[in-house]
Amino acid sequence: MTVQADILDFTLPDLNIPVGATVVWTNLDEAGHTATLGQDGRSGSAGGMRWDSGGMDVGESFSQIFPQAGVFPYTCRFHPWMNATVTVGP
């Protein structure tokens, strides 16, 4: 299963997905953004996972597979007030 997550208006979406799903973040904003595991602009790890899209300009995408259940906070490293959560359930 693939879940689309659009970054728009300086907002990262909260997501609820099943185990094994792939999230595809696409930057539809006029500024560059990242989708990075962590909070408040700082990268981190959770459940043994780490991911960082790197800078995405408008129209660019990044995908991440979620092979295990858990709650994964993520952030934009460029805009530390942009925070959201991927909740992965069975």
C-alpha atoms as a PDB file:
ATOM      1  CA  MET A   1       0.000   0.000   0.000  1.00  0.00           C
ATOM      2  CA  THR A   2       1.224   3.492  -0.847  1.00  0.00           C
ATOM      3  CA  VAL A   3       0.060   6.560   1.069  1.00  0.00           C
ATOM      4  CA  GLN A   4       0.493  10.033  -0.434  1.00  0.00           C
ATOM      5  CA  ALA A   5       1.501  12.787   2.016  1.00  0.00           C
ATOM      6  CA  ASP A   6       1.526  16.268   0.510  1.00  0.00           C
ATOM      7  CA  ILE A   7       3.540  19.028   2.154  1.00  0.00           C
ATOM      8  CA  LEU A   8       1.607  22.255   1.618  1.00  0.00           C
ATOM      9  CA  ASP A   9       1.217  25.612   3.387  1.00  0.00           C
ATOM     10  CA  PHE A  10       4.155  24.852   5.715  1.00  0.00           C
ATOM     11  CA  THR A  11       2.258  21.846   7.135  1.00  0.00           C
ATOM     12  CA  LEU A  12       3.305  18.220   7.477  1.00  0.00           C
ATOM     13  CA  PRO A  13       0.360  15.785   7.596  1.00  0.00           C
ATOM     14  CA  ASP A  14      -0.314  13.427  10.510  1.00  0.00           C
ATOM     15  CA  LEU A  15      -0.690   9.918   9.092  1.00  0.00           C
ATOM     16  CA  ASN A  16      -2.261   6.643  10.250  1.00  0.00           C
ATOM     17  CA  ILE A  17      -1.035   3.741   8.130  1.00  0.00           C
ATOM     18  CA  PRO A  18      -0.850  -0.065   8.266  1.00  0.00           C
ATOM     19  CA  VAL A  19       2.389  -1.980   8.823  1.00  0.00           C
ATOM     20  CA  GLY A  20       4.268  -2.392   5.549  1.00  0.00           C
ATOM     21  CA  ALA A  21       2.868   0.730   3.903  1.00  0.00           C
ATOM     22  CA  THR A  22       5.040   3.139   1.957  1.00  0.00           C
ATOM     23  CA  VAL A  23       4.598   6.858   2.525  1.00  0.00           C
ATOM     24  CA  VAL A  24       5.431   9.183  -0.358  1.00  0.00           C
ATOM     25  CA  TRP A  25       5.920  12.789   0.718  1.00  0.00           C
ATOM     26  CA  THR A  26       5.680  15.365  -2.079  1.00  0.00           C
ATOM     27  CA  ASN A  27       6.615  18.992  -1.545  1.00  0.00           C
ATOM     28  CA  LEU A  28       3.829  21.121  -3.037  1.00  0.00           C
ATOM     29  CA  ASP A  29       4.940  24.239  -1.173  1.00  0.00           C
ATOM     30  CA  GLU A  30       6.862  27.188  -2.571  1.00  0.00           C
ATOM     31  CA  ALA A  31       9.729  26.637  -0.084  1.00  0.00           C
ATOM     32  CA  GLY A  32      12.104  23.709   0.355  1.00  0.00           C
ATOM     33  CA  HIS A  33      11.245  21.175   3.082  1.00  0.00           C
ATOM     34  CA  THR A  34      12.380  17.871   4.540  1.00  0.00           C
ATOM     35  CA  ALA A  35      10.550  14.885   5.983  1.00  0.00           C
ATOM     36  CA  THR A  36      12.904  13.798   8.757  1.00  0.00           C
ATOM     37  CA  LEU A  37      12.376  11.391  11.630  1.00  0.00           C
ATOM     38  CA  GLY A  38      12.621  13.546  14.767  1.00  0.00           C
ATOM     39  CA  GLN A  39      11.086  16.668  16.288  1.00  0.00           C
ATOM     40  CA  ASP A  40      11.550  20.433  16.310  1.00  0.00           C
ATOM     41  CA  GLY A  41      13.934  20.460  13.353  1.00  0.00           C
ATOM     42  CA  ARG A  42      16.281  17.842  14.839  1.00  0.00           C
ATOM     43  CA  SER A  43      16.729  14.376  13.368  1.00  0.00           C
ATOM     44  CA  GLY A  44      16.306  11.361  15.608  1.00  0.00           C
ATOM     45  CA  SER A  45      15.512   7.667  15.675  1.00  0.00           C
ATOM     46  CA  ALA A  46      12.553   5.587  16.796  1.00  0.00           C
ATOM     47  CA  GLY A  47      12.099   1.834  16.875  1.00  0.00           C
ATOM     48  CA  GLY A  48      15.492   1.359  15.240  1.00  0.00           C
ATOM     49  CA  MET A  49      14.433   3.455  12.240  1.00  0.00           C
ATOM     50  CA  ARG A  50      15.986   6.609  10.835  1.00  0.00           C
ATOM     51  CA  TRP A  51      15.058   8.548   7.726  1.00  0.00           C
ATOM     52  CA  ASP A  52      15.699  11.946   6.207  1.00  0.00           C
ATOM     53  CA  SER A  53      14.463  13.024   2.800  1.00  0.00           C
ATOM     54  CA  GLY A  54      17.144  15.653   2.412  1.00  0.00           C
ATOM     55  CA  GLY A  55      16.019  18.967   0.976  1.00  0.00           C
ATOM     56  CA  MET A  56      13.036  18.683  -1.347  1.00  0.00           C
ATOM     57  CA  ASP A  57      12.278  21.526  -3.717  1.00  0.00           C
ATOM     58  CA  VAL A  58       8.765  22.072  -5.051  1.00  0.00           C
ATOM     59  CA  GLY A  59       7.523  18.988  -6.891  1.00  0.00           C
ATOM     60  CA  GLU A  60      10.154  16.636  -5.448  1.00  0.00           C
ATOM     61  CA  SER A  61       9.194  13.484  -3.556  1.00  0.00           C
ATOM     62  CA  PHE A  62      10.665  11.072  -1.021  1.00  0.00           C
ATOM     63  CA  SER A  63       9.382   7.639   0.029  1.00  0.00           C
ATOM     64  CA  GLN A  64       9.811   5.564   3.182  1.00  0.00           C
ATOM     65  CA  ILE A  65       8.577   2.043   3.992  1.00  0.00           C
ATOM     66  CA  PHE A  66       7.259   1.378   7.517  1.00  0.00           C
ATOM     67  CA  PRO A  67       7.886  -2.326   8.280  1.00  0.00           C
ATOM     68  CA  GLN A  68       6.880  -2.228  11.959  1.00  0.00           C
ATOM     69  CA  ALA A  69       4.181  -0.801  14.213  1.00  0.00           C
ATOM     70  CA  GLY A  70       4.940   2.298  16.239  1.00  0.00           C
ATOM     71  CA  VAL A  71       4.588   6.033  16.532  1.00  0.00           C
ATOM     72  CA  PHE A  72       7.135   7.995  14.524  1.00  0.00           C
ATOM     73  CA  PRO A  73       7.347  11.775  15.013  1.00  0.00           C
ATOM     74  CA  TYR A  74       8.771  13.648  12.064  1.00  0.00           C
ATOM     75  CA  THR A  75       9.826  17.194  11.291  1.00  0.00           C
ATOM     76  CA  CYS A  76      11.178  19.593   8.695  1.00  0.00           C
ATOM     77  CA  ARG A  77      14.823  20.373   9.432  1.00  0.00           C
ATOM     78  CA  PHE A  78      14.454  23.747   7.667  1.00  0.00           C
ATOM     79  CA  HIS A  79      11.343  24.812   9.618  1.00  0.00           C
ATOM     80  CA  PRO A  80      11.483  23.391  13.177  1.00  0.00           C
ATOM     81  CA  TRP A  81       7.867  24.342  13.985  1.00  0.00           C
ATOM     82  CA  MET A  82       6.696  21.869  11.327  1.00  0.00           C
ATOM     83  CA  ASN A  83       6.067  18.624  13.236  1.00  0.00           C
ATOM     84  CA  ALA A  84       3.736  15.678  12.639  1.00  0.00           C
ATOM     85  CA  THR A  85       3.425  11.969  13.402  1.00  0.00           C
ATOM     86  CA  VAL A  86       3.230   8.744  11.425  1.00  0.00           C
ATOM     87  CA  THR A  87       1.277   6.179  13.441  1.00  0.00           C
ATOM     88  CA  VAL A  88       1.767   2.653  12.137  1.00  0.00           C
ATOM     89  CA  GLY A  89      -0.685  -0.006  13.276  1.00  0.00           C
ATOM     90  CA  PRO A  90      -1.312  -3.664  12.513  1.00  0.00           C
END
